[in-house]
């Protein structure tokens, strides 16, 4: 028989987890927007836009990995 030893998280921990997921999504989408938006309001060349967008996407994955490690 399998026994479920997981204890239900407190509302504060669940809120922080959801907030962490939202921040991951925000940074990821912002990185994609910066890369693919042709009429980006800031005067950046294509190379700098791609570099900045990739940096934001990589940072979002670091946040996501840290969030998963914190939950286990």
PDB file of N, CA and C in Angstrom:
ATOM      1  N   UNK A   1       0.827  -1.181   0.000  1.00  0.00           N
ATOM      2  CA  UNK A   1       0.000   0.000   0.000  1.00  0.00           C
ATOM      3  C   UNK A   1       0.874   1.249   0.000  1.00  0.00           C
ATOM      4  N   UNK A   2       0.515   2.208  -0.782  1.00  0.00           N
ATOM      5  CA  UNK A   2       1.243   3.469  -0.826  1.00  0.00           C
ATOM      6  C   UNK A   2       0.656   4.438   0.173  1.00  0.00           C
ATOM      7  N   UNK A   3       1.535   5.115   0.859  1.00  0.00           N
ATOM      8  CA  UNK A   3       1.089   6.084   1.854  1.00  0.00           C
ATOM      9  C   UNK A   3       1.466   7.482   1.384  1.00  0.00           C
ATOM     10  N   UNK A   4       0.530   8.396   1.416  1.00  0.00           N
ATOM     11  CA  UNK A   4       0.771   9.775   0.985  1.00  0.00           C
ATOM     12  C   UNK A   4       1.230  10.588   2.195  1.00  0.00           C
ATOM     13  N   UNK A   5       2.541  10.905   2.251  1.00  0.00           N
ATOM     14  CA  UNK A   5       3.108  11.634   3.388  1.00  0.00           C
ATOM     15  C   UNK A   5       3.158  13.139   3.158  1.00  0.00           C
ATOM     16  N   UNK A   6       2.645  13.613   2.057  1.00  0.00           N
ATOM     17  CA  UNK A   6       2.722  15.042   1.771  1.00  0.00           C
ATOM     18  C   UNK A   6       1.733  15.816   2.640  1.00  0.00           C
ATOM     19  N   UNK A   7       2.252  16.862   3.232  1.00  0.00           N
ATOM     20  CA  UNK A   7       1.430  17.729   4.064  1.00  0.00           C
ATOM     21  C   UNK A   7       0.966  18.887   3.201  1.00  0.00           C
ATOM     22  N   UNK A   8      -0.268  19.291   3.379  1.00  0.00           N
ATOM     23  CA  UNK A   8      -0.801  20.393   2.584  1.00  0.00           C
ATOM     24  C   UNK A   8      -0.071  21.678   2.934  1.00  0.00           C
ATOM     25  N   UNK A   9       0.263  22.458   1.914  1.00  0.00           N
ATOM     26  CA  UNK A   9       0.996  23.707   2.103  1.00  0.00           C
ATOM     27  C   UNK A   9       0.082  24.772   2.694  1.00  0.00           C
ATOM     28  N   UNK A  10       0.706  25.687   3.410  1.00  0.00           N
ATOM     29  CA  UNK A  10      -0.063  26.791   3.973  1.00  0.00           C
ATOM     30  C   UNK A  10      -0.488  27.734   2.845  1.00  0.00           C
ATOM     31  N   UNK A  11      -1.502  28.537   3.075  1.00  0.00           N
ATOM     32  CA  UNK A  11      -1.930  29.485   2.037  1.00  0.00           C
ATOM     33  C   UNK A  11      -0.820  30.454   1.632  1.00  0.00           C
ATOM     34  N   UNK A  12       0.031  30.844   2.568  1.00  0.00           N
ATOM     35  CA  UNK A  12       1.128  31.763   2.233  1.00  0.00           C
ATOM     36  C   UNK A  12       2.123  31.096   1.290  1.00  0.00           C
ATOM     37  N   UNK A  13       2.454  29.820   1.541  1.00  0.00           N
ATOM     38  CA  UNK A  13       3.387  29.113   0.657  1.00  0.00           C
ATOM     39  C   UNK A  13       2.780  28.895  -0.716  1.00  0.00           C
ATOM     40  N   UNK A  14       1.486  28.589  -0.767  1.00  0.00           N
ATOM     41  CA  UNK A  14       0.831  28.426  -2.071  1.00  0.00           C
ATOM     42  C   UNK A  14       0.818  29.736  -2.841  1.00  0.00           C
ATOM     43  N   UNK A  15       0.552  30.843  -2.133  1.00  0.00           N
ATOM     44  CA  UNK A  15       0.550  32.154  -2.786  1.00  0.00           C
ATOM     45  C   UNK A  15       1.925  32.486  -3.339  1.00  0.00           C
ATOM     46  N   UNK A  16       2.975  32.231  -2.557  1.00  0.00           N
ATOM     47  CA  UNK A  16       4.328  32.517  -3.024  1.00  0.00           C
ATOM     48  C   UNK A  16       4.707  31.632  -4.205  1.00  0.00           C
ATOM     49  N   UNK A  17       4.219  30.390  -4.223  1.00  0.00           N
ATOM     50  CA  UNK A  17       4.480  29.513  -5.359  1.00  0.00           C
ATOM     51  C   UNK A  17       3.805  30.046  -6.619  1.00  0.00           C
ATOM     52  N   UNK A  18       2.548  30.451  -6.494  1.00  0.00           N
ATOM     53  CA  UNK A  18       1.823  31.005  -7.644  1.00  0.00           C
ATOM     54  C   UNK A  18       2.467  32.309  -8.105  1.00  0.00           C
ATOM     55  N   UNK A  19       2.903  33.135  -7.165  1.00  0.00           N
ATOM     56  CA  UNK A  19       3.595  34.378  -7.520  1.00  0.00           C
ATOM     57  C   UNK A  19       4.906  34.082  -8.246  1.00  0.00           C
ATOM     58  N   UNK A  20       5.625  33.063  -7.804  1.00  0.00           N
ATOM     59  CA  UNK A  20       6.854  32.659  -8.484  1.00  0.00           C
ATOM     60  C   UNK A  20       6.598  32.188  -9.899  1.00  0.00           C
ATOM     61  N   UNK A  21       5.524  31.412 -10.080  1.00  0.00           N
ATOM     62  CA  UNK A  21       5.156  30.982 -11.437  1.00  0.00           C
ATOM     63  C   UNK A  21       4.777  32.172 -12.317  1.00  0.00           C
ATOM     64  N   UNK A  22       4.069  33.133 -11.736  1.00  0.00           N
ATOM     65  CA  UNK A  22       3.677  34.326 -12.503  1.00  0.00           C
ATOM     66  C   UNK A  22       4.908  35.136 -12.909  1.00  0.00           C
ATOM     67  N   UNK A  23       5.877  35.243 -12.026  1.00  0.00           N
ATOM     68  CA  UNK A  23       7.091  35.996 -12.361  1.00  0.00           C
ATOM     69  C   UNK A  23       7.907  35.269 -13.425  1.00  0.00           C
ATOM     70  N   UNK A  24       7.942  33.932 -13.354  1.00  0.00           N
ATOM     71  CA  UNK A  24       8.603  33.161 -14.404  1.00  0.00           C
ATOM     72  C   UNK A  24       7.955  33.455 -15.754  1.00  0.00           C
ATOM     73  N   UNK A  25       6.629  33.396 -15.786  1.00  0.00           N
ATOM     74  CA  UNK A  25       5.908  33.647 -17.036  1.00  0.00           C
ATOM     75  C   UNK A  25       6.130  35.075 -17.523  1.00  0.00           C
ATOM     76  N   UNK A  26       6.153  36.030 -16.601  1.00  0.00           N
ATOM     77  CA  UNK A  26       6.355  37.426 -16.982  1.00  0.00           C
ATOM     78  C   UNK A  26       7.710  37.637 -17.639  1.00  0.00           C
ATOM     79  N   UNK A  27       8.774  37.135 -17.009  1.00  0.00           N
ATOM     80  CA  UNK A  27      10.118  37.304 -17.584  1.00  0.00           C
ATOM     81  C   UNK A  27      10.249  36.569 -18.911  1.00  0.00           C
ATOM     82  N   UNK A  28       9.654  35.372 -19.005  1.00  0.00           N
ATOM     83  CA  UNK A  28       9.737  34.599 -20.237  1.00  0.00           C
ATOM     84  C   UNK A  28       9.027  35.318 -21.387  1.00  0.00           C
ATOM     85  N   UNK A  29       7.815  35.782 -21.134  1.00  0.00           N
ATOM     86  CA  UNK A  29       7.045  36.476 -22.170  1.00  0.00           C
ATOM     87  C   UNK A  29       7.700  37.802 -22.529  1.00  0.00           C
ATOM     88  N   UNK A  30       8.227  38.511 -21.545  1.00  0.00           N
ATOM     89  CA  UNK A  30       8.911  39.769 -21.826  1.00  0.00           C
ATOM     90  C   UNK A  30      10.126  39.547 -22.720  1.00  0.00           C
ATOM     91  N   UNK A  31      10.869  38.472 -22.465  1.00  0.00           N
ATOM     92  CA  UNK A  31      12.001  38.143 -23.326  1.00  0.00           C
ATOM     93  C   UNK A  31      11.565  37.865 -24.749  1.00  0.00           C
ATOM     94  N   UNK A  32      10.474  37.116 -24.914  1.00  0.00           N
ATOM     95  CA  UNK A  32       9.963  36.833 -26.263  1.00  0.00           C
ATOM     96  C   UNK A  32       9.467  38.097 -26.951  1.00  0.00           C
ATOM     97  N   UNK A  33       8.808  38.959 -26.196  1.00  0.00           N
ATOM     98  CA  UNK A  33       8.308  40.213 -26.776  1.00  0.00           C
ATOM     99  C   UNK A  33       9.462  41.070 -27.268  1.00  0.00           C
ATOM    100  N   UNK A  34      10.508  41.179 -26.468  1.00  0.00           N
ATOM    101  CA  UNK A  34      11.654  42.004 -26.860  1.00  0.00           C
ATOM    102  C   UNK A  34      12.314  41.440 -28.112  1.00  0.00           C
ATOM    103  N   UNK A  35      12.396  40.127 -28.212  1.00  0.00           N
ATOM    104  CA  UNK A  35      13.040  39.529 -29.383  1.00  0.00           C
ATOM    105  C   UNK A  35      12.194  39.711 -30.645  1.00  0.00           C
ATOM    106  N   UNK A  36      10.897  39.473 -30.561  1.00  0.00           N
ATOM    107  CA  UNK A  36      10.082  39.394 -31.778  1.00  0.00           C
ATOM    108  C   UNK A  36       9.289  40.648 -32.132  1.00  0.00           C
ATOM    109  N   UNK A  37       9.245  41.657 -31.271  1.00  0.00           N
ATOM    110  CA  UNK A  37       8.502  42.877 -31.582  1.00  0.00           C
ATOM    111  C   UNK A  37       9.348  43.744 -32.512  1.00  0.00           C
ATOM    112  N   UNK A  38       8.897  43.900 -33.739  1.00  0.00           N
ATOM    113  CA  UNK A  38       9.698  44.614 -34.742  1.00  0.00           C
ATOM    114  C   UNK A  38       9.798  46.113 -34.462  1.00  0.00           C
ATOM    115  N   UNK A  39       8.718  46.742 -34.005  1.00  0.00           N
ATOM    116  CA  UNK A  39       8.732  48.180 -33.722  1.00  0.00           C
ATOM    117  C   UNK A  39       8.911  48.429 -32.226  1.00  0.00           C
ATOM    118  N   UNK A  40       9.937  47.814 -31.652  1.00  0.00           N
ATOM    119  CA  UNK A  40      10.196  47.961 -30.221  1.00  0.00           C
ATOM    120  C   UNK A  40      10.471  49.425 -29.886  1.00  0.00           C
ATOM    121  N   UNK A  41       9.835  49.970 -28.846  1.00  0.00           N
ATOM    122  CA  UNK A  41       9.925  51.412 -28.565  1.00  0.00           C
ATOM    123  C   UNK A  41      11.334  51.917 -28.234  1.00  0.00           C
ATOM    124  N   UNK A  42      12.197  51.067 -27.705  1.00  0.00           N
ATOM    125  CA  UNK A  42      13.559  51.510 -27.410  1.00  0.00           C
ATOM    126  C   UNK A  42      14.435  51.322 -28.637  1.00  0.00           C
ATOM    127  N   UNK A  43      15.365  52.240 -28.815  1.00  0.00           N
ATOM    128  CA  UNK A  43      16.245  52.190 -29.985  1.00  0.00           C
ATOM    129  C   UNK A  43      17.374  51.199 -29.730  1.00  0.00           C
ATOM    130  N   UNK A  44      17.098  49.922 -29.982  1.00  0.00           N
ATOM    131  CA  UNK A  44      18.106  48.873 -29.841  1.00  0.00           C
ATOM    132  C   UNK A  44      18.281  48.182 -31.182  1.00  0.00           C
ATOM    133  N   UNK A  45      19.518  47.840 -31.488  1.00  0.00           N
ATOM    134  CA  UNK A  45      19.739  47.078 -32.711  1.00  0.00           C
ATOM    135  C   UNK A  45      19.231  45.656 -32.500  1.00  0.00           C
ATOM    136  N   UNK A  46      19.098  44.917 -33.579  1.00  0.00           N
ATOM    137  CA  UNK A  46      18.566  43.564 -33.502  1.00  0.00           C
ATOM    138  C   UNK A  46      19.432  42.676 -32.617  1.00  0.00           C
ATOM    139  N   UNK A  47      20.735  42.817 -32.709  1.00  0.00           N
ATOM    140  CA  UNK A  47      21.633  41.993 -31.898  1.00  0.00           C
ATOM    141  C   UNK A  47      21.446  42.235 -30.411  1.00  0.00           C
ATOM    142  N   UNK A  48      21.316  43.491 -30.002  1.00  0.00           N
ATOM    143  CA  UNK A  48      21.108  43.804 -28.586  1.00  0.00           C
ATOM    144  C   UNK A  48      19.723  43.358 -28.117  1.00  0.00           C
ATOM    145  N   UNK A  49      18.722  43.479 -28.987  1.00  0.00           N
ATOM    146  CA  UNK A  49      17.383  43.006 -28.620  1.00  0.00           C
ATOM    147  C   UNK A  49      17.378  41.511 -28.382  1.00  0.00           C
ATOM    148  N   UNK A  50      18.025  40.766 -29.270  1.00  0.00           N
ATOM    149  CA  UNK A  50      18.093  39.314 -29.116  1.00  0.00           C
ATOM    150  C   UNK A  50      18.870  38.948 -27.853  1.00  0.00           C
ATOM    151  N   UNK A  51      19.991  39.612 -27.611  1.00  0.00           N
ATOM    152  CA  UNK A  51      20.798  39.320 -26.430  1.00  0.00           C
ATOM    153  C   UNK A  51      20.015  39.614 -25.147  1.00  0.00           C
ATOM    154  N   UNK A  52      19.332  40.735 -25.104  1.00  0.00           N
ATOM    155  CA  UNK A  52      18.559  41.102 -23.920  1.00  0.00           C
ATOM    156  C   UNK A  52      17.383  40.140 -23.718  1.00  0.00           C
ATOM    157  N   UNK A  53      16.719  39.773 -24.803  1.00  0.00           N
ATOM    158  CA  UNK A  53      15.612  38.828 -24.718  1.00  0.00           C
ATOM    159  C   UNK A  53      16.065  37.454 -24.246  1.00  0.00           C
ATOM    160  N   UNK A  54      17.177  36.974 -24.772  1.00  0.00           N
ATOM    161  CA  UNK A  54      17.706  35.672 -24.348  1.00  0.00           C
ATOM    162  C   UNK A  54      18.127  35.730 -22.888  1.00  0.00           C
ATOM    163  N   UNK A  55      18.712  36.831 -22.461  1.00  0.00           N
ATOM    164  CA  UNK A  55      19.096  37.000 -21.060  1.00  0.00           C
ATOM    165  C   UNK A  55      17.874  36.923 -20.147  1.00  0.00           C
ATOM    166  N   UNK A  56      16.788  37.563 -20.533  1.00  0.00           N
ATOM    167  CA  UNK A  56      15.561  37.491 -19.737  1.00  0.00           C
ATOM    168  C   UNK A  56      14.986  36.075 -19.702  1.00  0.00           C
ATOM    169  N   UNK A  57      15.033  35.371 -20.815  1.00  0.00           N
ATOM    170  CA  UNK A  57      14.517  34.009 -20.867  1.00  0.00           C
ATOM    171  C   UNK A  57      15.363  33.082 -20.004  1.00  0.00           C
ATOM    172  N   UNK A  58      16.674  33.210 -20.071  1.00  0.00           N
ATOM    173  CA  UNK A  58      17.557  32.389 -19.235  1.00  0.00           C
ATOM    174  C   UNK A  58      17.320  32.696 -17.763  1.00  0.00           C
ATOM    175  N   UNK A  59      17.161  33.973 -17.420  1.00  0.00           N
ATOM    176  CA  UNK A  59      16.891  34.355 -16.042  1.00  0.00           C
ATOM    177  C   UNK A  59      15.558  33.769 -15.560  1.00  0.00           C
ATOM    178  N   UNK A  60      14.573  33.748 -16.443  1.00  0.00           N
ATOM    179  CA  UNK A  60      13.289  33.175 -16.044  1.00  0.00           C
ATOM    180  C   UNK A  60      13.428  31.694 -15.725  1.00  0.00           C
ATOM    181  N   UNK A  61      14.252  30.963 -16.480  1.00  0.00           N
ATOM    182  CA  UNK A  61      14.438  29.548 -16.195  1.00  0.00           C
ATOM    183  C   UNK A  61      15.220  29.332 -14.905  1.00  0.00           C
ATOM    184  N   UNK A  62      16.179  30.217 -14.590  1.00  0.00           N
ATOM    185  CA  UNK A  62      16.867  30.117 -13.300  1.00  0.00           C
ATOM    186  C   UNK A  62      15.880  30.315 -12.154  1.00  0.00           C
ATOM    187  N   UNK A  63      14.990  31.268 -12.303  1.00  0.00           N
ATOM    188  CA  UNK A  63      13.967  31.487 -11.272  1.00  0.00           C
ATOM    189  C   UNK A  63      13.062  30.268 -11.135  1.00  0.00           C
ATOM    190  N   UNK A  64      12.695  29.662 -12.262  1.00  0.00           N
ATOM    191  CA  UNK A  64      11.816  28.498 -12.244  1.00  0.00           C
ATOM    192  C   UNK A  64      12.493  27.306 -11.562  1.00  0.00           C
ATOM    193  N   UNK A  65      13.755  27.064 -11.885  1.00  0.00           N
ATOM    194  CA  UNK A  65      14.489  25.963 -11.260  1.00  0.00           C
ATOM    195  C   UNK A  65      14.614  26.187  -9.760  1.00  0.00           C
ATOM    196  N   UNK A  66      14.916  27.427  -9.369  1.00  0.00           N
ATOM    197  CA  UNK A  66      15.022  27.750  -7.949  1.00  0.00           C
ATOM    198  C   UNK A  66      13.679  27.559  -7.238  1.00  0.00           C
ATOM    199  N   UNK A  67      12.612  27.906  -7.916  1.00  0.00           N
ATOM    200  CA  UNK A  67      11.281  27.732  -7.352  1.00  0.00           C
ATOM    201  C   UNK A  67      10.955  26.252  -7.138  1.00  0.00           C
ATOM    202  N   UNK A  68      11.307  25.413  -8.115  1.00  0.00           N
ATOM    203  CA  UNK A  68      11.058  23.974  -7.992  1.00  0.00           C
ATOM    204  C   UNK A  68      11.899  23.356  -6.883  1.00  0.00           C
ATOM    205  N   UNK A  69      13.159  23.773  -6.761  1.00  0.00           N
ATOM    206  CA  UNK A  69      14.009  23.246  -5.696  1.00  0.00           C
ATOM    207  C   UNK A  69      13.492  23.661  -4.318  1.00  0.00           C
ATOM    208  N   UNK A  70      12.955  24.843  -4.236  1.00  0.00           N
ATOM    209  CA  UNK A  70      12.427  25.340  -2.964  1.00  0.00           C
ATOM    210  C   UNK A  70      11.182  24.561  -2.552  1.00  0.00           C
ATOM    211  N   UNK A  71      10.403  24.082  -3.504  1.00  0.00           N
ATOM    212  CA  UNK A  71       9.167  23.370  -3.208  1.00  0.00           C
ATOM    213  C   UNK A  71       9.414  21.935  -2.741  1.00  0.00           C
ATOM    214  N   UNK A  72      10.528  21.351  -3.139  1.00  0.00           N
ATOM    215  CA  UNK A  72      10.764  19.948  -2.755  1.00  0.00           C
ATOM    216  C   UNK A  72      11.536  19.818  -1.464  1.00  0.00           C
TER     217      UNK A  72
END
